[in-house]
């Protein structure tokens, strides 16, 4: 597959990156508020509406690079990383079904996006950060980094691995000025949770467990992302910050 990078402001290097296939997307409520006006943003994905997402961000005052690349393709990941400096990675797929019947292809696809891409992106981006002695890497974990879930064995395994990866990288890179942390969203209204949200029984069961009394929206992740990307988190290393409305407290 081919890779394309379109920078609306090509003279600027992006500082924060989002993959358009995951939690933060133009179609989700509050998307326009995900980064402050003037922020330099790279969006990653391999989808037909990538340009539309970039245009929405650009019109709301963000400086955007759109990277049309397959995160499951290591060659494309490495090539795209050569154009970018720092990243917050948000990409996601999920394959549902009983573990005993889970096809190897589903397992491989989930691991390629949620775990392999996270490691190879972090590895590639970390090199210039380590050279200059400063940088922030924010992985996207999940409440299923702490739980097993049901009928999502590959996703749960990958998200547990993301928590371990975050800590392992933090142990190596914190002494060199690079903070590696993760955000663990709870039940956020996105395409990945659409089936659960549209099922009245499942939605009620989930809602009854959330102390905040509501599902989350992508805008609820903004504060955590800004904190972990800012100097305020310079002494925070290897932490998985749950943004879940209190889900894990029950």
C-alpha atoms as a PDB file:
ATOM      1  CA  UNK A   1       0.000   0.000   0.000  1.00  0.00           C
ATOM      2  CA  UNK A   2       1.167   3.527  -0.692  1.00  0.00           C
ATOM      3  CA  UNK A   3       1.744   6.167   1.935  1.00  0.00           C
ATOM      4  CA  UNK A   4       0.906   9.846   1.607  1.00  0.00           C
ATOM      5  CA  UNK A   5       1.697  12.771   3.890  1.00  0.00           C
ATOM      6  CA  UNK A   6      -0.181  16.043   3.376  1.00  0.00           C
ATOM      7  CA  UNK A   7       0.885  18.982   5.535  1.00  0.00           C
ATOM      8  CA  UNK A   8      -1.429  21.968   5.449  1.00  0.00           C
ATOM      9  CA  UNK A   9       1.401  23.954   7.034  1.00  0.00           C
ATOM     10  CA  UNK A  10       4.399  22.038   5.658  1.00  0.00           C
ATOM     11  CA  UNK A  11       6.980  24.398   7.093  1.00  0.00           C
ATOM     12  CA  UNK A  12       6.053  23.278  10.606  1.00  0.00           C
ATOM     13  CA  UNK A  13       6.740  19.937  12.188  1.00  0.00           C
ATOM     14  CA  UNK A  14       3.806  18.442  14.097  1.00  0.00           C
ATOM     15  CA  UNK A  15       4.157  18.018  17.842  1.00  0.00           C
ATOM     16  CA  UNK A  16       1.147  15.913  18.736  1.00  0.00           C
ATOM     17  CA  UNK A  17      -0.160  13.033  16.658  1.00  0.00           C
ATOM     18  CA  UNK A  18      -3.486  11.241  16.613  1.00  0.00           C
ATOM     19  CA  UNK A  19      -4.412   8.193  14.583  1.00  0.00           C
ATOM     20  CA  UNK A  20      -7.733   8.887  12.939  1.00  0.00           C
ATOM     21  CA  UNK A  21      -8.883   5.285  13.293  1.00  0.00           C
ATOM     22  CA  UNK A  22      -9.272   5.356  17.056  1.00  0.00           C
ATOM     23  CA  UNK A  23     -10.784   7.314  19.896  1.00  0.00           C
ATOM     24  CA  UNK A  24     -10.394  10.778  18.425  1.00  0.00           C
ATOM     25  CA  UNK A  25     -12.176  11.239  15.122  1.00  0.00           C
ATOM     26  CA  UNK A  26     -14.016  14.033  13.379  1.00  0.00           C
ATOM     27  CA  UNK A  27     -17.328  12.239  13.735  1.00  0.00           C
ATOM     28  CA  UNK A  28     -17.159  12.009  17.492  1.00  0.00           C
ATOM     29  CA  UNK A  29     -18.712  14.634  19.772  1.00  0.00           C
ATOM     30  CA  UNK A  30     -16.272  17.331  20.862  1.00  0.00           C
ATOM     31  CA  UNK A  31     -13.633  16.443  18.304  1.00  0.00           C
ATOM     32  CA  UNK A  32     -12.945  20.068  17.500  1.00  0.00           C
ATOM     33  CA  UNK A  33     -11.887  20.662  21.100  1.00  0.00           C
ATOM     34  CA  UNK A  34      -9.303  17.881  21.289  1.00  0.00           C
ATOM     35  CA  UNK A  35      -6.307  20.196  20.907  1.00  0.00           C
ATOM     36  CA  UNK A  36      -5.846  23.875  21.572  1.00  0.00           C
ATOM     37  CA  UNK A  37      -5.986  26.322  18.646  1.00  0.00           C
ATOM     38  CA  UNK A  38      -2.506  26.717  17.222  1.00  0.00           C
ATOM     39  CA  UNK A  39      -1.463  23.204  18.198  1.00  0.00           C
ATOM     40  CA  UNK A  40       0.600  21.296  15.664  1.00  0.00           C
ATOM     41  CA  UNK A  41      -1.145  18.016  14.977  1.00  0.00           C
ATOM     42  CA  UNK A  42      -0.400  14.928  12.917  1.00  0.00           C
ATOM     43  CA  UNK A  43      -3.275  12.575  12.219  1.00  0.00           C
ATOM     44  CA  UNK A  44      -2.571   9.014  11.161  1.00  0.00           C
ATOM     45  CA  UNK A  45      -4.816   6.513   9.470  1.00  0.00           C
ATOM     46  CA  UNK A  46      -5.649   4.559   6.372  1.00  0.00           C
ATOM     47  CA  UNK A  47      -9.205   5.641   5.677  1.00  0.00           C
ATOM     48  CA  UNK A  48     -11.048   7.643   3.027  1.00  0.00           C
ATOM     49  CA  UNK A  49     -12.094  10.510   5.309  1.00  0.00           C
ATOM     50  CA  UNK A  50      -8.593  11.328   6.558  1.00  0.00           C
ATOM     51  CA  UNK A  51      -8.476  14.506   4.491  1.00  0.00           C
ATOM     52  CA  UNK A  52     -11.877  15.557   5.795  1.00  0.00           C
ATOM     53  CA  UNK A  53     -10.662  15.127   9.361  1.00  0.00           C
ATOM     54  CA  UNK A  54      -7.572  17.212   8.584  1.00  0.00           C
ATOM     55  CA  UNK A  55      -9.713  19.973   7.088  1.00  0.00           C
ATOM     56  CA  UNK A  56     -11.951  20.104  10.161  1.00  0.00           C
ATOM     57  CA  UNK A  57      -8.939  20.442  12.444  1.00  0.00           C
ATOM     58  CA  UNK A  58      -7.331  23.039  10.208  1.00  0.00           C
ATOM     59  CA  UNK A  59     -10.488  25.173  10.109  1.00  0.00           C
ATOM     60  CA  UNK A  60     -10.630  25.131  13.905  1.00  0.00           C
ATOM     61  CA  UNK A  61      -7.160  26.638  14.171  1.00  0.00           C
ATOM     62  CA  UNK A  62      -4.885  23.590  14.277  1.00  0.00           C
ATOM     63  CA  UNK A  63      -1.786  23.159  12.143  1.00  0.00           C
ATOM     64  CA  UNK A  64      -2.176  19.764  10.564  1.00  0.00           C
ATOM     65  CA  UNK A  65      -0.222  17.032   8.818  1.00  0.00           C
ATOM     66  CA  UNK A  66      -2.360  14.147   7.547  1.00  0.00           C
ATOM     67  CA  UNK A  67      -0.481  10.854   7.275  1.00  0.00           C
ATOM     68  CA  UNK A  68      -2.278   8.259   5.155  1.00  0.00           C
ATOM     69  CA  UNK A  69      -0.373   5.178   6.278  1.00  0.00           C
ATOM     70  CA  UNK A  70      -1.163   1.649   7.387  1.00  0.00           C
ATOM     71  CA  UNK A  71      -0.050   1.309  11.009  1.00  0.00           C
ATOM     72  CA  UNK A  72       0.107  -2.445  10.490  1.00  0.00           C
ATOM     73  CA  UNK A  73       2.845  -1.970   7.870  1.00  0.00           C
ATOM     74  CA  UNK A  74       6.219  -1.444   9.572  1.00  0.00           C
ATOM     75  CA  UNK A  75       7.767   0.022   6.438  1.00  0.00           C
ATOM     76  CA  UNK A  76       5.090   2.704   6.205  1.00  0.00           C
ATOM     77  CA  UNK A  77       5.343   3.413   9.924  1.00  0.00           C
ATOM     78  CA  UNK A  78       9.088   3.961   9.697  1.00  0.00           C
ATOM     79  CA  UNK A  79       8.782   6.141   6.601  1.00  0.00           C
ATOM     80  CA  UNK A  80       6.094   8.302   8.168  1.00  0.00           C
ATOM     81  CA  UNK A  81       8.054   8.632  11.406  1.00  0.00           C
ATOM     82  CA  UNK A  82      10.907  10.120   9.435  1.00  0.00           C
ATOM     83  CA  UNK A  83       8.635  13.115   8.772  1.00  0.00           C
ATOM     84  CA  UNK A  84       7.355  13.621  12.322  1.00  0.00           C
ATOM     85  CA  UNK A  85       8.904  14.327  15.706  1.00  0.00           C
ATOM     86  CA  UNK A  86       6.567  13.545  18.592  1.00  0.00           C
ATOM     87  CA  UNK A  87       3.395  11.515  18.854  1.00  0.00           C
ATOM     88  CA  UNK A  88       0.378  10.703  20.918  1.00  0.00           C
ATOM     89  CA  UNK A  89      -0.875   7.538  19.297  1.00  0.00           C
ATOM     90  CA  UNK A  90      -4.572   6.698  19.156  1.00  0.00           C
ATOM     91  CA  UNK A  91      -5.414   3.826  16.856  1.00  0.00           C
ATOM     92  CA  UNK A  92      -7.822   1.018  17.369  1.00  0.00           C
ATOM     93  CA  UNK A  93      -9.539  -2.065  16.044  1.00  0.00           C
ATOM     94  CA  UNK A  94     -11.347  -4.769  17.928  1.00  0.00           C
ATOM     95  CA  UNK A  95     -12.370  -8.327  17.087  1.00  0.00           C
ATOM     96  CA  UNK A  96     -15.162  -9.802  19.184  1.00  0.00           C
ATOM     97  CA  UNK A  97     -15.950 -13.458  19.752  1.00  0.00           C
ATOM     98  CA  UNK A  98     -15.273 -16.410  22.057  1.00  0.00           C
ATOM     99  CA  UNK A  99     -11.562 -17.010  22.605  1.00  0.00           C
ATOM    100  CA  UNK A 100     -11.897 -20.668  21.654  1.00  0.00           C
ATOM    101  CA  UNK A 101     -13.079 -19.678  18.180  1.00  0.00           C
ATOM    102  CA  UNK A 102     -10.816 -16.651  17.651  1.00  0.00           C
ATOM    103  CA  UNK A 103      -9.050 -16.907  14.256  1.00  0.00           C
ATOM    104  CA  UNK A 104      -5.315 -16.359  14.131  1.00  0.00           C
ATOM    105  CA  UNK A 105      -5.853 -13.582  11.595  1.00  0.00           C
ATOM    106  CA  UNK A 106      -7.986 -11.617  14.069  1.00  0.00           C
ATOM    107  CA  UNK A 107      -5.363 -12.023  16.794  1.00  0.00           C
ATOM    108  CA  UNK A 108      -2.594 -10.890  14.448  1.00  0.00           C
ATOM    109  CA  UNK A 109      -4.564  -7.856  13.225  1.00  0.00           C
ATOM    110  CA  UNK A 110      -5.346  -6.648  16.747  1.00  0.00           C
ATOM    111  CA  UNK A 111      -1.763  -7.119  17.913  1.00  0.00           C
ATOM    112  CA  UNK A 112      -0.353  -5.370  14.842  1.00  0.00           C
ATOM    113  CA  UNK A 113      -2.340  -2.191  15.495  1.00  0.00           C
ATOM    114  CA  UNK A 114      -2.538  -2.073  19.277  1.00  0.00           C
ATOM    115  CA  UNK A 115       0.862  -3.446  20.267  1.00  0.00           C
ATOM    116  CA  UNK A 116       3.320  -3.762  17.377  1.00  0.00           C
ATOM    117  CA  UNK A 117       2.596  -0.292  15.985  1.00  0.00           C
ATOM    118  CA  UNK A 118       2.785   1.238  19.473  1.00  0.00           C
ATOM    119  CA  UNK A 119       6.226  -0.239  20.070  1.00  0.00           C
ATOM    120  CA  UNK A 120       7.714   0.558  16.680  1.00  0.00           C
ATOM    121  CA  UNK A 121       6.320   4.108  16.704  1.00  0.00           C
ATOM    122  CA  UNK A 122       7.732   4.676  20.195  1.00  0.00           C
ATOM    123  CA  UNK A 123      11.075   3.193  19.189  1.00  0.00           C
ATOM    124  CA  UNK A 124      11.341   5.389  16.112  1.00  0.00           C
ATOM    125  CA  UNK A 125      10.166   8.604  17.766  1.00  0.00           C
ATOM    126  CA  UNK A 126      12.311   8.052  20.839  1.00  0.00           C
ATOM    127  CA  UNK A 127      15.602   8.273  18.952  1.00  0.00           C
ATOM    128  CA  UNK A 128      15.588  12.046  18.355  1.00  0.00           C
ATOM    129  CA  UNK A 129      14.004  12.603  21.777  1.00  0.00           C
ATOM    130  CA  UNK A 130      16.787  10.697  23.511  1.00  0.00           C
ATOM    131  CA  UNK A 131      19.392  12.589  21.512  1.00  0.00           C
ATOM    132  CA  UNK A 132      18.045  15.956  22.674  1.00  0.00           C
ATOM    133  CA  UNK A 133      17.261  14.718  26.193  1.00  0.00           C
ATOM    134  CA  UNK A 134      13.568  15.597  26.188  1.00  0.00           C
ATOM    135  CA  UNK A 135      10.303  14.214  24.900  1.00  0.00           C
ATOM    136  CA  UNK A 136       6.855  12.856  25.691  1.00  0.00           C
ATOM    137  CA  UNK A 137       5.313   9.611  24.496  1.00  0.00           C
ATOM    138  CA  UNK A 138       1.698   8.863  25.397  1.00  0.00           C
ATOM    139  CA  UNK A 139       0.325   5.425  24.669  1.00  0.00           C
ATOM    140  CA  UNK A 140      -3.363   4.626  24.635  1.00  0.00           C
ATOM    141  CA  UNK A 141      -4.176   1.857  27.072  1.00  0.00           C
ATOM    142  CA  UNK A 142      -7.691   0.951  28.245  1.00  0.00           C
ATOM    143  CA  UNK A 143      -9.625  -0.089  31.319  1.00  0.00           C
ATOM    144  CA  UNK A 144      -9.011  -3.527  29.799  1.00  0.00           C
ATOM    145  CA  UNK A 145      -5.357  -2.991  30.666  1.00  0.00           C
ATOM    146  CA  UNK A 146      -6.592  -3.905  34.158  1.00  0.00           C
ATOM    147  CA  UNK A 147      -9.471  -6.261  33.360  1.00  0.00           C
ATOM    148  CA  UNK A 148     -10.134  -9.199  31.080  1.00  0.00           C
ATOM    149  CA  UNK A 149     -13.328  -8.076  29.419  1.00  0.00           C
ATOM    150  CA  UNK A 150     -15.555 -10.584  27.659  1.00  0.00           C
ATOM    151  CA  UNK A 151     -15.216 -11.966  24.144  1.00  0.00           C
ATOM    152  CA  UNK A 152     -12.375  -9.528  23.338  1.00  0.00           C
ATOM    153  CA  UNK A 153      -9.365 -11.693  24.163  1.00  0.00           C
ATOM    154  CA  UNK A 154      -6.972 -10.136  21.660  1.00  0.00           C
ATOM    155  CA  UNK A 155      -7.877  -6.575  22.609  1.00  0.00           C
ATOM    156  CA  UNK A 156      -7.553  -7.280  26.340  1.00  0.00           C
ATOM    157  CA  UNK A 157      -4.201  -9.014  25.849  1.00  0.00           C
ATOM    158  CA  UNK A 158      -2.881  -6.153  23.724  1.00  0.00           C
ATOM    159  CA  UNK A 159      -4.002  -3.493  26.199  1.00  0.00           C
ATOM    160  CA  UNK A 160      -2.414  -5.351  29.101  1.00  0.00           C
ATOM    161  CA  UNK A 161       0.746  -5.420  27.025  1.00  0.00           C
ATOM    162  CA  UNK A 162       0.527  -1.666  26.413  1.00  0.00           C
ATOM    163  CA  UNK A 163       0.606  -1.072  30.165  1.00  0.00           C
ATOM    164  CA  UNK A 164       3.715  -3.234  30.461  1.00  0.00           C
ATOM    165  CA  UNK A 165       5.311  -1.616  27.427  1.00  0.00           C
ATOM    166  CA  UNK A 166       4.706   1.834  28.893  1.00  0.00           C
ATOM    167  CA  UNK A 167       6.442   0.891  32.125  1.00  0.00           C
ATOM    168  CA  UNK A 168       9.310  -0.897  30.404  1.00  0.00           C
ATOM    169  CA  UNK A 169      10.056   2.068  28.134  1.00  0.00           C
ATOM    170  CA  UNK A 170       9.738   4.501  31.034  1.00  0.00           C
ATOM    171  CA  UNK A 171      12.351   2.543  32.987  1.00  0.00           C
ATOM    172  CA  UNK A 172      14.811   2.877  30.112  1.00  0.00           C
ATOM    173  CA  UNK A 173      14.094   6.407  28.930  1.00  0.00           C
ATOM    174  CA  UNK A 174      13.131   8.411  32.037  1.00  0.00           C
ATOM    175  CA  UNK A 175      16.802   8.862  33.057  1.00  0.00           C
ATOM    176  CA  UNK A 176      17.379  10.444  29.638  1.00  0.00           C
ATOM    177  CA  UNK A 177      14.589  12.995  29.902  1.00  0.00           C
ATOM    178  CA  UNK A 178      11.854  11.183  27.969  1.00  0.00           C
ATOM    179  CA  UNK A 179       8.574  10.550  29.779  1.00  0.00           C
ATOM    180  CA  UNK A 180       6.517   7.557  28.644  1.00  0.00           C
ATOM    181  CA  UNK A 181       2.995   7.292  30.046  1.00  0.00           C
ATOM    182  CA  UNK A 182      -0.409   6.067  28.947  1.00  0.00           C
ATOM    183  CA  UNK A 183      -4.051   7.068  29.089  1.00  0.00           C
ATOM    184  CA  UNK A 184      -6.597   4.350  29.846  1.00  0.00           C
ATOM    185  CA  UNK A 185     -10.005   5.473  28.585  1.00  0.00           C
ATOM    186  CA  UNK A 186     -13.137   3.918  30.005  1.00  0.00           C
ATOM    187  CA  UNK A 187     -16.309   3.573  27.994  1.00  0.00           C
ATOM    188  CA  UNK A 188     -16.013   6.409  25.505  1.00  0.00           C
ATOM    189  CA  UNK A 189     -18.597   6.873  22.763  1.00  0.00           C
ATOM    190  CA  UNK A 190     -16.739   5.927  19.570  1.00  0.00           C
ATOM    191  CA  UNK A 191     -17.168   3.451  16.749  1.00  0.00           C
ATOM    192  CA  UNK A 192     -15.366   0.812  18.823  1.00  0.00           C
ATOM    193  CA  UNK A 193     -18.075   1.012  21.511  1.00  0.00           C
ATOM    194  CA  UNK A 194     -21.024   1.690  19.210  1.00  0.00           C
ATOM    195  CA  UNK A 195     -22.468  -1.819  19.435  1.00  0.00           C
ATOM    196  CA  UNK A 196     -22.476  -1.738  23.227  1.00  0.00           C
ATOM    197  CA  UNK A 197     -23.935   1.754  23.329  1.00  0.00           C
ATOM    198  CA  UNK A 198     -26.736   0.872  20.918  1.00  0.00           C
ATOM    199  CA  UNK A 199     -27.673  -2.265  22.866  1.00  0.00           C
ATOM    200  CA  UNK A 200     -30.123  -1.039  25.562  1.00  0.00           C
ATOM    201  CA  UNK A 201     -29.354  -3.913  27.935  1.00  0.00           C
ATOM    202  CA  UNK A 202     -25.579  -3.671  27.557  1.00  0.00           C
ATOM    203  CA  UNK A 203     -25.636   0.125  27.735  1.00  0.00           C
ATOM    204  CA  UNK A 204     -27.594   0.070  30.994  1.00  0.00           C
ATOM    205  CA  UNK A 205     -25.300  -2.548  32.513  1.00  0.00           C
ATOM    206  CA  UNK A 206     -22.274  -0.413  31.703  1.00  0.00           C
ATOM    207  CA  UNK A 207     -23.896   2.826  32.829  1.00  0.00           C
ATOM    208  CA  UNK A 208     -24.970   1.324  36.150  1.00  0.00           C
ATOM    209  CA  UNK A 209     -21.314   0.600  36.948  1.00  0.00           C
ATOM    210  CA  UNK A 210     -19.923   4.064  36.096  1.00  0.00           C
ATOM    211  CA  UNK A 211     -19.974   6.297  39.210  1.00  0.00           C
ATOM    212  CA  UNK A 212     -20.021   9.421  37.017  1.00  0.00           C
ATOM    213  CA  UNK A 213     -23.385   8.264  35.688  1.00  0.00           C
ATOM    214  CA  UNK A 214     -22.614   8.726  32.006  1.00  0.00           C
ATOM    215  CA  UNK A 215     -20.534   7.424  29.134  1.00  0.00           C
ATOM    216  CA  UNK A 216     -17.419   9.399  28.291  1.00  0.00           C
ATOM    217  CA  UNK A 217     -16.809  11.487  25.206  1.00  0.00           C
ATOM    218  CA  UNK A 218     -13.479  12.064  23.439  1.00  0.00           C
ATOM    219  CA  UNK A 219     -13.342  15.545  24.975  1.00  0.00           C
ATOM    220  CA  UNK A 220     -12.997  13.914  28.405  1.00  0.00           C
ATOM    221  CA  UNK A 221      -9.513  12.754  27.399  1.00  0.00           C
ATOM    222  CA  UNK A 222      -8.227  16.230  26.623  1.00  0.00           C
ATOM    223  CA  UNK A 223      -7.081  17.154  30.121  1.00  0.00           C
ATOM    224  CA  UNK A 224      -5.129  13.930  30.561  1.00  0.00           C
ATOM    225  CA  UNK A 225      -3.460  14.300  27.167  1.00  0.00           C
ATOM    226  CA  UNK A 226      -2.517  17.939  27.764  1.00  0.00           C
ATOM    227  CA  UNK A 227      -1.138  17.114  31.216  1.00  0.00           C
ATOM    228  CA  UNK A 228       0.980  14.192  30.011  1.00  0.00           C
ATOM    229  CA  UNK A 229       2.268  16.206  27.044  1.00  0.00           C
ATOM    230  CA  UNK A 230       3.194  19.251  29.136  1.00  0.00           C
ATOM    231  CA  UNK A 231       6.074  20.123  31.491  1.00  0.00           C
ATOM    232  CA  UNK A 232       3.640  19.567  34.387  1.00  0.00           C
ATOM    233  CA  UNK A 233       4.230  15.821  33.938  1.00  0.00           C
ATOM    234  CA  UNK A 234       8.021  15.947  33.805  1.00  0.00           C
ATOM    235  CA  UNK A 235       8.216  13.821  36.973  1.00  0.00           C
ATOM    236  CA  UNK A 236       5.536  11.364  35.852  1.00  0.00           C
ATOM    237  CA  UNK A 237       6.955   8.195  34.328  1.00  0.00           C
ATOM    238  CA  UNK A 238       5.414   4.825  33.490  1.00  0.00           C
ATOM    239  CA  UNK A 239       1.954   5.822  34.699  1.00  0.00           C
ATOM    240  CA  UNK A 240      -1.298   4.537  33.211  1.00  0.00           C
ATOM    241  CA  UNK A 241      -3.860   7.275  33.864  1.00  0.00           C
ATOM    242  CA  UNK A 242      -7.444   6.003  33.875  1.00  0.00           C
ATOM    243  CA  UNK A 243     -10.058   8.389  32.491  1.00  0.00           C
ATOM    244  CA  UNK A 244     -13.085   6.212  33.101  1.00  0.00           C
ATOM    245  CA  UNK A 245     -15.681   8.047  35.169  1.00  0.00           C
ATOM    246  CA  UNK A 246     -14.719   5.827  38.102  1.00  0.00           C
ATOM    247  CA  UNK A 247     -15.297   2.490  36.326  1.00  0.00           C
ATOM    248  CA  UNK A 248     -12.243   0.843  37.860  1.00  0.00           C
ATOM    249  CA  UNK A 249     -13.150   1.929  41.383  1.00  0.00           C
ATOM    250  CA  UNK A 250     -16.125  -0.466  41.440  1.00  0.00           C
END
